[in-house]
Amino acid sequence: MGLFTKKETIFSERNKPLWAKIKEGLKAAGVKASCGSYDVEPPFVGCGCKLDVRDFSGNGKVDRKMYYIDVKVTELERARAIMEEVRSQNLDLELGEKIKVSYY
């Protein structure tokens, strides 16, 4: 996708497995998309800089990223239809409750 093309966000959630499936579905359908992630929670500051006690719970590191998918406005309807189809096929990947953004 070009730098100056008009884009719209169709997916913005903290759900990496679903994000990956939607990304694969769009690629298989030939829809060009800009996909990525960014940090939602700021790093902890203090003794042991950037160490978070939640990372050492036994369940592995906590995923603190927001995943997004942007598509061209001209392919918006087609991309949304593909996204809804992928969501309906992967209902087990939907999160039951919204993940709260916590700073502590």
N, C-alpha and C. Protein backbone atom coordinates (compact mmCIF):
# COMPACT_ATOMS: atom_id res chain seq x y z
N MET A 1 0.84 -1.17 0.00
CA MET A 1 0.00 0.00 0.00
C MET A 1 0.89 1.23 0.00
N GLY A 2 0.46 2.24 -0.71
CA GLY A 2 1.23 3.46 -0.81
C GLY A 2 1.17 4.30 0.46
N LEU A 3 2.09 5.20 0.56
CA LEU A 3 2.18 6.04 1.73
C LEU A 3 1.02 7.03 1.82
N PHE A 4 0.57 7.55 0.67
CA PHE A 4 -0.45 8.59 0.68
C PHE A 4 -1.83 8.08 0.26
N THR A 5 -2.06 6.78 0.34
CA THR A 5 -3.39 6.25 0.04
C THR A 5 -4.28 6.37 1.27
N LYS A 6 -5.56 6.59 1.04
CA LYS A 6 -6.50 6.73 2.14
C LYS A 6 -6.82 5.34 2.69
N LYS A 7 -6.61 5.16 4.00
CA LYS A 7 -6.82 3.86 4.64
C LYS A 7 -7.82 3.99 5.78
N GLU A 8 -8.42 2.87 6.11
CA GLU A 8 -9.33 2.83 7.25
C GLU A 8 -9.05 1.56 8.06
N THR A 9 -9.15 1.67 9.36
CA THR A 9 -8.90 0.55 10.26
C THR A 9 -10.14 -0.33 10.34
N ILE A 10 -9.95 -1.64 10.07
CA ILE A 10 -11.07 -2.57 10.17
C ILE A 10 -10.96 -3.46 11.39
N PHE A 11 -9.76 -3.55 11.97
CA PHE A 11 -9.54 -4.42 13.13
C PHE A 11 -8.58 -3.72 14.08
N SER A 12 -8.96 -3.63 15.34
CA SER A 12 -8.10 -3.03 16.36
C SER A 12 -8.47 -3.67 17.70
N GLU A 13 -7.78 -4.76 18.05
CA GLU A 13 -8.08 -5.50 19.28
C GLU A 13 -6.79 -6.06 19.86
N ARG A 14 -6.89 -6.53 21.10
CA ARG A 14 -5.77 -7.19 21.76
C ARG A 14 -5.95 -8.70 21.66
N ASN A 15 -6.03 -9.20 20.45
CA ASN A 15 -6.29 -10.61 20.19
C ASN A 15 -5.38 -11.07 19.05
N LYS A 16 -4.17 -11.51 19.38
CA LYS A 16 -3.18 -11.87 18.36
C LYS A 16 -3.59 -13.07 17.50
N PRO A 17 -4.14 -14.16 18.06
CA PRO A 17 -4.51 -15.29 17.20
C PRO A 17 -5.57 -14.93 16.15
N LEU A 18 -6.57 -14.16 16.55
CA LEU A 18 -7.60 -13.75 15.59
C LEU A 18 -7.03 -12.80 14.55
N TRP A 19 -6.16 -11.88 14.98
CA TRP A 19 -5.48 -10.95 14.07
C TRP A 19 -4.71 -11.71 13.00
N ALA A 20 -4.00 -12.77 13.40
CA ALA A 20 -3.22 -13.56 12.45
C ALA A 20 -4.13 -14.27 11.44
N LYS A 21 -5.25 -14.80 11.90
CA LYS A 21 -6.19 -15.49 10.99
C LYS A 21 -6.81 -14.52 9.99
N ILE A 22 -7.20 -13.33 10.46
CA ILE A 22 -7.79 -12.33 9.56
C ILE A 22 -6.75 -11.88 8.54
N LYS A 23 -5.53 -11.69 8.99
CA LYS A 23 -4.45 -11.29 8.10
C LYS A 23 -4.22 -12.34 7.01
N GLU A 24 -4.23 -13.62 7.38
CA GLU A 24 -4.08 -14.70 6.41
C GLU A 24 -5.25 -14.72 5.43
N GLY A 25 -6.48 -14.52 5.93
CA GLY A 25 -7.66 -14.51 5.08
C GLY A 25 -7.63 -13.39 4.05
N LEU A 26 -7.20 -12.21 4.48
CA LEU A 26 -7.10 -11.08 3.55
C LEU A 26 -6.03 -11.33 2.50
N LYS A 27 -4.91 -11.91 2.91
CA LYS A 27 -3.83 -12.20 1.97
C LYS A 27 -4.26 -13.24 0.95
N ALA A 28 -4.99 -14.27 1.40
CA ALA A 28 -5.46 -15.32 0.50
C ALA A 28 -6.47 -14.77 -0.51
N ALA A 29 -7.25 -13.76 -0.10
CA ALA A 29 -8.24 -13.16 -0.99
C ALA A 29 -7.64 -12.09 -1.90
N GLY A 30 -6.38 -11.75 -1.68
CA GLY A 30 -5.73 -10.76 -2.53
C GLY A 30 -5.96 -9.32 -2.11
N VAL A 31 -6.40 -9.11 -0.89
CA VAL A 31 -6.63 -7.75 -0.39
C VAL A 31 -5.34 -7.29 0.29
N LYS A 32 -4.79 -6.18 -0.18
CA LYS A 32 -3.59 -5.64 0.44
C LYS A 32 -3.98 -4.90 1.71
N ALA A 33 -3.25 -5.20 2.78
CA ALA A 33 -3.55 -4.59 4.07
C ALA A 33 -2.26 -4.20 4.77
N SER A 34 -2.37 -3.20 5.60
CA SER A 34 -1.26 -2.77 6.44
C SER A 34 -1.55 -3.28 7.85
N CYS A 35 -0.75 -4.22 8.32
CA CYS A 35 -0.98 -4.86 9.61
C CYS A 35 0.18 -4.57 10.55
N GLY A 36 -0.13 -4.43 11.82
CA GLY A 36 0.93 -4.19 12.78
C GLY A 36 0.41 -4.19 14.20
N SER A 37 1.28 -3.77 15.11
CA SER A 37 0.90 -3.71 16.51
C SER A 37 1.66 -2.58 17.19
N TYR A 38 1.15 -2.17 18.33
CA TYR A 38 1.82 -1.16 19.13
C TYR A 38 1.55 -1.44 20.60
N ASP A 39 2.44 -0.93 21.45
CA ASP A 39 2.31 -1.15 22.89
C ASP A 39 1.19 -0.29 23.45
N VAL A 40 0.40 -0.90 24.33
CA VAL A 40 -0.70 -0.19 24.95
C VAL A 40 -0.31 0.29 26.35
N GLU A 41 0.44 -0.54 27.05
CA GLU A 41 0.82 -0.21 28.41
C GLU A 41 2.24 0.35 28.44
N PRO A 42 2.47 1.40 29.18
CA PRO A 42 3.83 1.92 29.29
C PRO A 42 4.69 0.98 30.13
N PRO A 43 6.00 0.99 29.93
CA PRO A 43 6.86 0.13 30.75
C PRO A 43 6.89 0.59 32.20
N PHE A 44 7.10 -0.37 33.09
CA PHE A 44 7.20 -0.04 34.51
C PHE A 44 8.53 0.64 34.76
N VAL A 45 8.57 1.51 35.72
CA VAL A 45 9.80 2.19 36.09
C VAL A 45 10.06 1.93 37.56
N GLY A 46 11.30 1.77 37.88
CA GLY A 46 11.65 1.54 39.27
C GLY A 46 12.80 0.57 39.35
N CYS A 47 12.94 -0.03 40.48
CA CYS A 47 14.02 -0.97 40.70
C CYS A 47 13.79 -2.20 39.80
N GLY A 48 14.72 -2.52 38.97
CA GLY A 48 14.57 -3.64 38.04
C GLY A 48 13.92 -3.22 36.75
N CYS A 49 13.99 -1.96 36.42
CA CYS A 49 13.40 -1.34 35.23
C CYS A 49 12.78 -2.31 34.23
N LYS A 50 11.57 -2.09 33.91
CA LYS A 50 10.81 -2.81 32.89
C LYS A 50 10.56 -4.28 33.22
N LEU A 51 10.76 -4.69 34.46
CA LEU A 51 10.38 -6.03 34.87
C LEU A 51 8.98 -5.95 35.45
N ASP A 52 8.12 -6.83 34.99
CA ASP A 52 6.73 -6.84 35.43
C ASP A 52 6.46 -8.17 36.11
N VAL A 53 5.91 -8.15 37.30
CA VAL A 53 5.67 -9.39 38.05
C VAL A 53 4.69 -10.31 37.32
N ARG A 54 3.83 -9.78 36.46
CA ARG A 54 2.87 -10.62 35.73
C ARG A 54 3.55 -11.51 34.72
N ASP A 55 4.77 -11.17 34.29
CA ASP A 55 5.50 -11.99 33.33
C ASP A 55 6.05 -13.27 33.95
N PHE A 56 6.11 -13.35 35.26
CA PHE A 56 6.72 -14.48 35.94
C PHE A 56 5.69 -15.36 36.64
N SER A 57 4.46 -15.34 36.18
CA SER A 57 3.38 -16.07 36.86
C SER A 57 3.33 -17.56 36.50
N GLY A 58 4.05 -18.00 35.50
CA GLY A 58 3.98 -19.39 35.08
C GLY A 58 3.19 -19.55 33.79
N ASN A 59 2.42 -18.54 33.42
CA ASN A 59 1.67 -18.57 32.16
C ASN A 59 2.44 -17.91 31.03
N GLY A 60 3.65 -17.50 31.28
CA GLY A 60 4.45 -16.81 30.26
C GLY A 60 4.24 -15.32 30.30
N LYS A 61 4.85 -14.63 29.34
CA LYS A 61 4.74 -13.17 29.29
C LYS A 61 3.33 -12.72 28.96
N VAL A 62 2.94 -11.61 29.51
CA VAL A 62 1.64 -11.02 29.25
C VAL A 62 1.72 -10.24 27.94
N ASP A 63 0.76 -10.44 27.05
CA ASP A 63 0.74 -9.72 25.78
C ASP A 63 0.14 -8.34 26.00
N ARG A 64 0.94 -7.30 25.79
CA ARG A 64 0.50 -5.92 26.03
C ARG A 64 0.31 -5.14 24.75
N LYS A 65 0.17 -5.80 23.63
CA LYS A 65 0.09 -5.10 22.35
C LYS A 65 -1.34 -5.00 21.84
N MET A 66 -1.59 -3.93 21.10
CA MET A 66 -2.85 -3.74 20.38
C MET A 66 -2.55 -4.06 18.93
N TYR A 67 -3.31 -4.95 18.33
CA TYR A 67 -3.09 -5.37 16.94
C TYR A 67 -4.11 -4.68 16.04
N TYR A 68 -3.65 -4.21 14.88
CA TYR A 68 -4.55 -3.49 13.98
C TYR A 68 -4.35 -3.95 12.53
N ILE A 69 -5.38 -3.72 11.72
CA ILE A 69 -5.33 -3.99 10.28
C ILE A 69 -5.98 -2.80 9.59
N ASP A 70 -5.24 -2.18 8.67
CA ASP A 70 -5.74 -1.07 7.86
C ASP A 70 -5.84 -1.53 6.41
N VAL A 71 -6.91 -1.12 5.72
CA VAL A 71 -7.08 -1.43 4.30
C VAL A 71 -7.43 -0.15 3.54
N LYS A 72 -7.25 -0.20 2.21
CA LYS A 72 -7.63 0.94 1.38
C LYS A 72 -9.14 1.13 1.45
N VAL A 73 -9.55 2.36 1.32
CA VAL A 73 -10.99 2.68 1.37
C VAL A 73 -11.72 2.01 0.21
N THR A 74 -11.05 1.87 -0.94
CA THR A 74 -11.69 1.25 -2.11
C THR A 74 -11.98 -0.23 -1.89
N GLU A 75 -11.24 -0.89 -0.99
CA GLU A 75 -11.43 -2.32 -0.72
C GLU A 75 -12.08 -2.57 0.64
N LEU A 76 -12.67 -1.54 1.21
CA LEU A 76 -13.18 -1.60 2.57
C LEU A 76 -14.30 -2.63 2.74
N GLU A 77 -15.31 -2.59 1.88
CA GLU A 77 -16.45 -3.51 2.01
C GLU A 77 -16.02 -4.96 1.83
N ARG A 78 -15.17 -5.21 0.87
CA ARG A 78 -14.68 -6.57 0.61
C ARG A 78 -13.87 -7.08 1.80
N ALA A 79 -13.03 -6.22 2.36
CA ALA A 79 -12.20 -6.61 3.50
C ALA A 79 -13.06 -6.88 4.73
N ARG A 80 -14.08 -6.08 4.95
CA ARG A 80 -14.97 -6.30 6.10
C ARG A 80 -15.73 -7.62 5.97
N ALA A 81 -16.15 -7.95 4.75
CA ALA A 81 -16.85 -9.21 4.52
C ALA A 81 -15.93 -10.39 4.80
N ILE A 82 -14.69 -10.30 4.36
CA ILE A 82 -13.71 -11.36 4.61
C ILE A 82 -13.44 -11.48 6.11
N MET A 83 -13.32 -10.33 6.79
CA MET A 83 -13.06 -10.34 8.22
C MET A 83 -14.21 -11.00 8.98
N GLU A 84 -15.44 -10.69 8.64
CA GLU A 84 -16.59 -11.29 9.31
C GLU A 84 -16.67 -12.79 9.03
N GLU A 85 -16.30 -13.20 7.82
CA GLU A 85 -16.28 -14.63 7.50
C GLU A 85 -15.24 -15.36 8.34
N VAL A 86 -14.06 -14.78 8.46
CA VAL A 86 -13.01 -15.40 9.27
C VAL A 86 -13.42 -15.43 10.74
N ARG A 87 -14.05 -14.37 11.23
CA ARG A 87 -14.52 -14.35 12.63
C ARG A 87 -15.54 -15.46 12.88
N SER A 88 -16.46 -15.66 11.93
CA SER A 88 -17.48 -16.68 12.13
C SER A 88 -16.90 -18.09 12.08
N GLN A 89 -15.80 -18.29 11.36
CA GLN A 89 -15.16 -19.59 11.30
C GLN A 89 -14.26 -19.86 12.51
N ASN A 90 -13.87 -18.82 13.22
CA ASN A 90 -12.94 -18.95 14.34
C ASN A 90 -13.54 -18.37 15.62
N LEU A 91 -14.72 -18.82 15.97
CA LEU A 91 -15.38 -18.32 17.17
C LEU A 91 -14.64 -18.69 18.45
N ASP A 92 -13.84 -19.75 18.41
CA ASP A 92 -13.08 -20.15 19.59
C ASP A 92 -11.96 -19.17 19.93
N LEU A 93 -11.57 -18.32 18.96
CA LEU A 93 -10.52 -17.33 19.20
C LEU A 93 -11.06 -16.02 19.76
N GLU A 94 -12.37 -15.85 19.77
CA GLU A 94 -12.96 -14.63 20.31
C GLU A 94 -12.76 -14.61 21.82
N LEU A 95 -12.44 -13.47 22.35
CA LEU A 95 -12.24 -13.32 23.79
C LEU A 95 -13.59 -13.10 24.45
N GLY A 96 -13.84 -13.82 25.53
CA GLY A 96 -15.11 -13.73 26.22
C GLY A 96 -15.35 -12.39 26.87
N GLU A 97 -14.32 -11.81 27.43
CA GLU A 97 -14.46 -10.51 28.08
C GLU A 97 -13.39 -9.58 27.54
N LYS A 98 -13.68 -8.33 27.57
CA LYS A 98 -12.72 -7.33 27.09
C LYS A 98 -11.51 -7.29 28.02
N ILE A 99 -10.35 -7.15 27.42
CA ILE A 99 -9.13 -7.05 28.21
C ILE A 99 -8.98 -5.62 28.67
N LYS A 100 -8.82 -5.45 29.95
CA LYS A 100 -8.65 -4.11 30.49
C LYS A 100 -7.20 -3.68 30.36
N VAL A 101 -7.01 -2.45 30.02
CA VAL A 101 -5.66 -1.91 29.97
C VAL A 101 -5.31 -1.47 31.37
N SER A 102 -4.30 -2.09 31.93
CA SER A 102 -3.92 -1.81 33.30
C SER A 102 -2.51 -1.23 33.34
N TYR A 103 -2.35 -0.21 34.13
CA TYR A 103 -1.02 0.38 34.27
C TYR A 103 -0.26 -0.20 35.45
N TYR A 104 -0.95 -0.98 36.32
CA TYR A 104 -0.30 -1.60 37.47
C TYR A 104 -0.86 -2.94 37.73
